[in-house]
Protein backbone atom coordinates (compact mmCIF):
# COMPACT_ATOMS: atom_id res chain seq x y z
CA UNK A 1 -122.21 -193.12 82.47
CA UNK A 2 -123.48 -191.24 85.46
CA UNK A 3 -126.68 -193.23 85.75
CA UNK A 4 -124.64 -196.40 86.34
CA UNK A 5 -122.52 -195.09 89.18
CA UNK A 6 -123.12 -195.87 92.84
CA UNK A 7 -123.26 -193.06 95.38
CA UNK A 8 -123.20 -193.27 99.15
CA UNK A 9 -123.82 -190.01 100.98
CA UNK A 10 -124.04 -189.57 104.73
CA UNK A 11 -125.31 -186.31 106.21
CA UNK A 12 -125.07 -185.76 109.96
CA UNK A 13 -127.33 -183.10 111.45
CA UNK A 14 -127.06 -181.93 115.05
CA UNK A 15 -130.52 -181.64 116.62
CA UNK A 16 -130.51 -179.70 119.89
CA UNK A 17 -133.33 -180.68 122.24
CA UNK A 18 -132.71 -177.97 124.82
CA UNK A 19 -135.73 -176.09 126.07
CA UNK A 20 -133.47 -173.85 128.10
CA UNK A 21 -131.89 -172.42 124.97
CA UNK A 22 -135.16 -170.73 124.15
CA UNK A 23 -134.77 -168.72 127.35
CA UNK A 24 -131.17 -167.77 126.67
CA UNK A 25 -129.82 -170.13 129.34
CA UNK A 26 -126.71 -172.21 128.92
CA UNK A 27 -127.16 -175.58 127.28
CA UNK A 28 -126.91 -178.37 129.83
CA UNK A 29 -128.47 -181.30 127.94
CA UNK A 30 -126.83 -183.56 125.42
CA UNK A 31 -127.62 -183.44 121.73
CA UNK A 32 -129.17 -186.13 119.60
CA UNK A 33 -128.00 -186.74 116.05
CA UNK A 34 -129.97 -187.72 113.00
CA UNK A 35 -127.98 -189.57 110.38
CA UNK A 36 -129.37 -189.43 106.84
CA UNK A 37 -127.88 -191.91 104.39
CA UNK A 38 -128.36 -192.16 100.64
CA UNK A 39 -127.02 -195.25 98.94
CA UNK A 40 -127.89 -195.24 95.25
CA UNK A 41 -126.85 -194.30 91.72
CA UNK A 42 -128.04 -190.68 91.60
CA UNK A 43 -126.10 -187.47 92.08
CA UNK A 44 -127.35 -185.52 95.11
CA UNK A 45 -127.96 -181.79 95.39
CA UNK A 46 -129.17 -179.80 98.38
CA UNK A 47 -130.94 -176.48 98.41
CA UNK A 48 -132.09 -174.21 95.60
CA UNK A 49 -130.63 -174.28 92.11
CA UNK A 50 -129.10 -171.19 90.54
CA UNK A 51 -131.80 -169.73 88.31
CA UNK A 52 -130.44 -168.92 84.84
CA UNK A 53 -133.78 -168.09 83.22
CA UNK A 54 -136.51 -166.73 85.48
CA UNK A 55 -139.36 -167.56 83.14
CA UNK A 56 -139.28 -169.23 79.71
CA UNK A 57 -142.95 -168.54 78.93
CA UNK A 58 -145.42 -165.73 79.63
CA UNK A 59 -149.08 -166.56 80.15
CA UNK A 60 -151.77 -164.57 81.89
CA UNK A 61 -152.58 -166.26 85.21
CA UNK A 62 -149.80 -168.76 84.54
CA UNK A 63 -146.96 -169.61 86.89
CA UNK A 64 -143.40 -168.62 86.11
CA UNK A 65 -141.43 -171.48 84.55
CA UNK A 66 -137.77 -171.09 85.59
CA UNK A 67 -134.74 -173.00 84.38
CA UNK A 68 -131.95 -173.53 86.90
CA UNK A 69 -128.60 -175.21 87.42
CA UNK A 70 -128.21 -177.49 90.44
CA UNK A 71 -124.75 -178.43 91.69
CA UNK A 72 -124.35 -181.86 93.23
CA UNK A 73 -122.01 -183.24 95.87
CA UNK A 74 -119.97 -185.05 93.21
CA UNK A 75 -119.14 -181.75 91.48
CA UNK A 76 -121.58 -182.07 88.58
CA UNK A 77 -124.12 -179.54 87.31
CA UNK A 78 -127.67 -180.44 86.29
CA UNK A 79 -130.30 -178.46 84.41
CA UNK A 80 -133.57 -178.42 86.38
CA UNK A 81 -136.30 -179.34 86.08
CA UNK A 82 -134.90 -180.86 82.85
CA UNK A 83 -133.08 -180.11 79.63
CA UNK A 84 -135.92 -179.20 77.29
CA UNK A 85 -136.40 -177.96 73.74
CA UNK A 86 -139.11 -175.42 74.52
CA UNK A 87 -137.10 -172.49 73.14
CA UNK A 88 -135.64 -174.54 70.27
CA UNK A 89 -137.48 -173.45 67.12
CA UNK A 90 -136.37 -176.53 65.20
CA UNK A 91 -138.39 -178.76 67.52
CA UNK A 92 -142.01 -178.60 66.27
CA UNK A 93 -144.67 -177.13 68.51
CA UNK A 94 -147.79 -179.20 69.11
CA UNK A 95 -151.15 -177.82 67.97
CA UNK A 96 -153.64 -176.44 70.46
CA UNK A 97 -156.52 -178.62 71.57
CA UNK A 98 -157.36 -176.41 74.57
CA UNK A 99 -155.05 -173.59 75.61
CA UNK A 100 -156.13 -170.64 77.81
CA UNK A 101 -152.76 -168.96 77.15
CA UNK A 102 -153.48 -168.58 73.42
CA UNK A 103 -157.27 -168.48 73.92
CA UNK A 104 -157.64 -171.39 71.51
CA UNK A 105 -160.17 -173.40 73.48
CA UNK A 106 -162.04 -175.98 71.43
CA UNK A 107 -165.13 -177.43 73.06
CA UNK A 108 -164.59 -180.81 71.36
CA UNK A 109 -162.13 -182.75 69.25
CA UNK A 110 -164.69 -182.69 66.41
CA UNK A 111 -164.11 -178.94 66.13
CA UNK A 112 -160.36 -178.96 66.83
CA UNK A 113 -159.25 -181.42 64.16
CA UNK A 114 -160.85 -179.73 61.09
CA UNK A 115 -159.19 -176.45 62.10
CA UNK A 116 -155.76 -177.90 61.24
CA UNK A 117 -154.59 -177.21 57.68
CA UNK A 118 -152.12 -180.10 57.32
CA UNK A 119 -148.92 -178.08 57.72
CA UNK A 120 -148.69 -179.46 61.26
CA UNK A 121 -148.14 -183.05 60.06
CA UNK A 122 -144.56 -184.25 60.56
CA UNK A 123 -143.50 -186.73 57.88
CA UNK A 124 -141.46 -189.67 59.09
CA UNK A 125 -142.30 -192.10 56.30
CA UNK A 126 -143.35 -190.69 52.92
CA UNK A 127 -145.62 -193.70 52.32
CA UNK A 128 -146.90 -193.76 55.91
CA UNK A 129 -150.37 -193.08 57.33
CA UNK A 130 -151.32 -190.01 59.32
CA UNK A 131 -151.58 -190.66 63.06
CA UNK A 132 -153.25 -188.17 65.39
CA UNK A 133 -152.20 -188.00 69.05
CA UNK A 134 -154.27 -186.25 71.72
CA UNK A 135 -152.16 -185.36 74.77
CA UNK A 136 -152.85 -183.87 78.20
CA UNK A 137 -149.64 -183.46 80.21
CA UNK A 138 -149.11 -182.09 83.71
CA UNK A 139 -147.05 -180.15 83.04
CA UNK A 140 -144.89 -180.55 79.90
CA UNK A 141 -144.04 -183.11 77.23
CA UNK A 142 -141.79 -183.62 74.23
CA UNK A 143 -142.72 -186.39 71.79
CA UNK A 144 -140.51 -188.35 69.39
CA UNK A 145 -141.65 -190.95 66.88
CA UNK A 146 -138.89 -193.35 65.76
CA UNK A 147 -136.43 -190.78 67.15
CA UNK A 148 -137.88 -187.87 65.15
CA UNK A 149 -139.24 -184.84 67.08
CA UNK A 150 -142.94 -184.47 66.26
CA UNK A 151 -144.33 -182.15 68.93
CA UNK A 152 -143.72 -180.36 72.20
CA UNK A 153 -146.15 -178.90 74.71
CA UNK A 154 -146.82 -175.22 74.03
CA UNK A 155 -147.22 -174.41 77.75
CA UNK A 156 -144.34 -175.56 80.00
CA UNK A 157 -146.10 -175.00 83.33
CA UNK A 158 -149.58 -173.43 83.56
CA UNK A 159 -152.31 -172.71 82.67
CA UNK A 160 -153.39 -176.29 82.05
CA UNK A 161 -153.68 -177.13 78.38
CA UNK A 162 -153.97 -180.05 75.98
CA UNK A 163 -152.52 -180.69 72.52
CA UNK A 164 -152.84 -182.43 69.17
CA UNK A 165 -149.75 -183.93 67.50
CA UNK A 166 -149.95 -185.38 63.97
CA UNK A 167 -147.33 -187.37 62.09
CA UNK A 168 -147.07 -189.64 59.05
CA UNK A 169 -145.50 -193.00 59.74
CA UNK A 170 -145.63 -196.73 58.98
CA UNK A 171 -146.26 -199.30 61.67
CA UNK A 172 -144.64 -200.49 63.77
CA UNK A 173 -143.42 -197.23 65.31
CA UNK A 174 -141.93 -196.26 68.65
CA UNK A 175 -143.22 -193.41 70.80
CA UNK A 176 -140.71 -191.78 73.16
CA UNK A 177 -141.67 -188.87 75.39
CA UNK A 178 -139.94 -186.66 77.91
CA UNK A 179 -142.34 -185.67 80.70
CA UNK A 180 -141.66 -182.81 83.12
CA UNK A 181 -143.51 -181.73 86.24
CA UNK A 182 -142.32 -178.10 86.38
CA UNK A 183 -141.27 -176.25 89.54
CA UNK A 184 -141.42 -172.70 90.86
CA UNK A 185 -138.73 -173.36 93.45
CA UNK A 186 -135.87 -174.22 91.09
CA UNK A 187 -134.02 -177.36 92.10
CA UNK A 188 -136.50 -178.16 94.85
CA UNK A 189 -139.37 -179.75 92.93
CA UNK A 190 -142.04 -177.57 94.51
CA UNK A 191 -144.27 -174.55 94.16
CA UNK A 192 -146.21 -172.03 96.21
CA UNK A 193 -149.58 -173.69 96.69
CA UNK A 194 -152.26 -174.36 99.29
CA UNK A 195 -150.83 -171.72 101.58
CA UNK A 196 -147.37 -173.28 101.67
CA UNK A 197 -144.27 -171.95 99.88
CA UNK A 198 -142.86 -175.45 99.22
CA UNK A 199 -145.68 -177.66 98.00
CA UNK A 200 -144.59 -180.71 95.93
CA UNK A 201 -146.74 -180.68 92.79
CA UNK A 202 -147.86 -183.78 90.94
CA UNK A 203 -147.31 -184.88 87.36
CA UNK A 204 -149.22 -187.18 85.03
CA UNK A 205 -149.69 -187.66 81.28
CA UNK A 206 -152.46 -189.22 79.23
CA UNK A 207 -152.44 -189.75 75.45
CA UNK A 208 -154.58 -191.35 72.77
CA UNK A 209 -153.34 -192.24 69.27
CA UNK A 210 -155.79 -192.61 66.37
CA UNK A 211 -155.25 -193.74 62.79
CA UNK A 212 -156.52 -191.96 59.68
CA UNK A 213 -159.96 -193.57 60.01
CA UNK A 214 -160.32 -192.41 63.61
CA UNK A 215 -159.72 -195.80 65.22
CA UNK A 216 -157.77 -195.80 68.48
CA UNK A 217 -154.54 -197.74 67.94
CA UNK A 218 -152.74 -196.92 71.21
CA UNK A 219 -153.40 -195.39 74.62
CA UNK A 220 -151.24 -194.71 77.64
CA UNK A 221 -151.32 -197.51 80.22
CA UNK A 222 -149.09 -199.75 82.32
CA UNK A 223 -147.74 -201.46 79.20
CA UNK A 224 -145.59 -198.38 78.56
CA UNK A 225 -142.06 -198.14 79.98
CA UNK A 226 -141.22 -195.29 82.37
CA UNK A 227 -137.98 -194.27 84.08
CA UNK A 228 -137.25 -191.49 86.55
CA UNK A 229 -134.40 -188.97 86.14
CA UNK A 230 -135.08 -186.21 88.69
CA UNK A 231 -136.65 -186.61 92.14
CA UNK A 232 -137.35 -183.74 94.56
CA UNK A 233 -137.93 -182.53 97.18
CA UNK A 234 -136.59 -185.01 99.70
CA UNK A 235 -136.32 -184.13 103.39
CA UNK A 236 -134.58 -187.38 104.28
CA UNK A 237 -132.23 -189.03 101.80
CA UNK A 238 -132.55 -192.42 103.46
CA UNK A 239 -136.14 -192.78 102.24
CA UNK A 240 -134.98 -193.17 98.62
CA UNK A 241 -133.93 -196.62 97.47
CA UNK A 242 -133.34 -198.66 94.33
CA UNK A 243 -134.42 -202.17 93.40
CA UNK A 244 -132.79 -203.08 90.12
CA UNK A 245 -133.93 -200.40 87.66
CA UNK A 246 -136.65 -199.16 90.01
CA UNK A 247 -135.92 -195.75 91.58
CA UNK A 248 -138.27 -195.71 94.53
CA UNK A 249 -139.40 -192.99 96.91
CA UNK A 250 -142.76 -194.28 98.10
CA UNK A 251 -141.81 -193.95 101.79
CA UNK A 252 -140.62 -190.34 101.38
CA UNK A 253 -142.87 -187.64 102.78
CA UNK A 254 -144.81 -185.44 100.37
CA UNK A 255 -145.86 -183.01 103.08
CA UNK A 256 -145.50 -179.34 102.13
CA UNK A 257 -143.87 -176.64 104.22
CA UNK A 258 -142.87 -172.99 104.29
CA UNK A 259 -139.13 -173.68 104.38
CA UNK A 260 -137.72 -176.21 101.97
CA UNK A 261 -134.39 -174.52 101.29
CA UNK A 262 -132.38 -177.39 102.81
CA UNK A 263 -134.22 -180.18 101.02
CA UNK A 264 -132.42 -182.62 98.70
CA UNK A 265 -132.82 -183.70 95.08
CA UNK A 266 -131.67 -186.76 93.14
CA UNK A 267 -130.44 -186.51 89.54
CA UNK A 268 -129.75 -189.27 86.99
CA UNK A 269 -128.18 -188.73 83.57
CA UNK A 270 -130.52 -189.46 80.67
CA UNK A 271 -129.14 -192.20 78.41
CA UNK A 272 -127.86 -191.45 74.94
CA UNK A 273 -130.29 -192.03 72.09
CA UNK A 274 -133.20 -192.86 74.42
CA UNK A 275 -135.60 -191.59 71.74
CA UNK A 276 -134.50 -194.13 69.10
CA UNK A 277 -136.65 -197.15 68.20
CA UNK A 278 -133.70 -199.53 68.75
CA UNK A 279 -132.93 -198.19 72.24
CA UNK A 280 -133.08 -201.06 74.73
CA UNK A 281 -135.68 -200.15 77.36
CA UNK A 282 -136.24 -203.75 78.48
CA UNK A 283 -134.77 -203.02 81.92
CA UNK A 284 -136.92 -199.95 82.49
CA UNK A 285 -139.86 -200.34 84.86
CA UNK A 286 -143.37 -200.39 83.49
CA UNK A 287 -145.32 -197.17 83.85
CA UNK A 288 -147.63 -196.72 86.83
CA UNK A 289 -151.29 -195.89 86.18
CA UNK A 290 -153.08 -193.15 88.11
CA UNK A 291 -156.77 -192.28 88.30
CA UNK A 292 -158.30 -189.04 87.04
CA UNK A 293 -159.10 -188.20 90.66
CA UNK A 294 -155.48 -188.63 91.77
CA UNK A 295 -154.21 -186.35 88.99
CA UNK A 296 -157.05 -183.90 89.64
CA UNK A 297 -158.47 -183.21 86.17
CA UNK A 298 -162.20 -183.21 86.88
CA UNK A 299 -162.26 -179.39 86.95
CA UNK A 300 -159.94 -178.82 83.97
CA UNK A 301 -161.69 -178.22 80.61
CA UNK A 302 -158.40 -179.00 78.84
CA UNK A 303 -159.29 -182.55 79.82
CA UNK A 304 -163.04 -182.68 80.45
CA UNK A 305 -163.93 -181.21 77.03
CA UNK A 306 -162.42 -184.34 75.51
CA UNK A 307 -163.72 -187.12 77.75
CA UNK A 308 -164.93 -188.97 74.66
CA UNK A 309 -161.29 -189.22 73.54
CA UNK A 310 -159.39 -189.74 76.79
CA UNK A 311 -162.06 -191.81 78.58
CA UNK A 312 -163.42 -193.66 75.58
CA UNK A 313 -166.01 -196.24 76.65
CA UNK A 314 -164.24 -199.05 74.79
CA UNK A 315 -160.62 -197.95 75.16
CA UNK A 316 -160.04 -195.78 78.21
CA UNK A 317 -156.60 -194.14 78.30
CA UNK A 318 -154.86 -194.07 81.67
CA UNK A 319 -152.75 -191.36 83.24
CA UNK A 320 -149.20 -192.68 83.55
CA UNK A 321 -145.99 -191.66 85.29
CA UNK A 322 -143.19 -193.31 87.22
CA UNK A 323 -143.96 -194.90 90.59
CA UNK A 324 -144.13 -191.52 92.36
CA UNK A 325 -146.36 -188.97 90.62
CA UNK A 326 -145.57 -186.31 93.24
CA UNK A 327 -141.81 -186.43 93.83
CA UNK A 328 -140.55 -187.62 90.43
CA UNK A 329 -140.25 -184.54 88.20
CA UNK A 330 -138.54 -185.76 85.01
CA UNK A 331 -139.70 -189.06 83.54
CA UNK A 332 -138.96 -190.68 80.18
CA UNK A 333 -141.61 -193.00 78.71
CA UNK A 334 -141.60 -195.31 75.69
CA UNK A 335 -144.01 -197.57 73.85
CA UNK A 336 -143.99 -199.38 70.49
CA UNK A 337 -147.18 -199.52 68.42
CA UNK A 338 -147.23 -202.83 66.53
């Protein structure tokens, strides 16, 4: 399996510190060299991916959501930002809670839920109970319950939206979700933002699960498991490291720039059957919690219209991700409801 391999990559860059060169004079000073070393289990790509689909979704005032293929130094090809089921009609679409792209914008969950006619409910167990999940994902999610697809985000990138997913199941049941922070610069984990062409965007997902009587039975928090599968952009490969199952990049810069075309990305192969309830996630790290302020949702009605759900006074759901909410762009999360 690719995610179990060990990769050591050394990149030597010549850095000329010769003021005279700017004046067209002959170089007379020596050069210094910066050695960048990556020693981990990921495959490494450098530079932009080859875009195969320029935009998988049209939305007024929304960003383009490209799909690309990144080639790595070990000769492999990787779909970026992730292999997703957005265009797969057999994977059910989540229902709108708040969606500027479809102009379905409920002011509260009390109005959103009665608008559903029941055809949205995915049956996993015929004798199960209906569970309602409220999800806000930055940017995209796919949800499985006991390995069965039950809902995908209906906006892959922007505008910012939130969703309802309903399914019929017995407890205990296992939630497995693929989370993707989309990218405009394919293969480089970044977007045009804040006046810079290569701005690393941030991710984050929050979810609340209620039973048929409206009682909260699960929320996202640090008890969930979360593993990283795509990290970008990296200016210096040596900043990335691994400690057991932890794929860490906390010392890597998140500074934006206007030229990121030589930046690196790390890719790990997703494990087979990761959605299944019997998949062993015991070695995965626990999810990291992030505040509303860090994710930046205070001005997003897709979230603020539903504070009573997401920030319930007695059971406040937390935004979760891997350890790096900015540089990690594909994250798998799991949790079992007892």
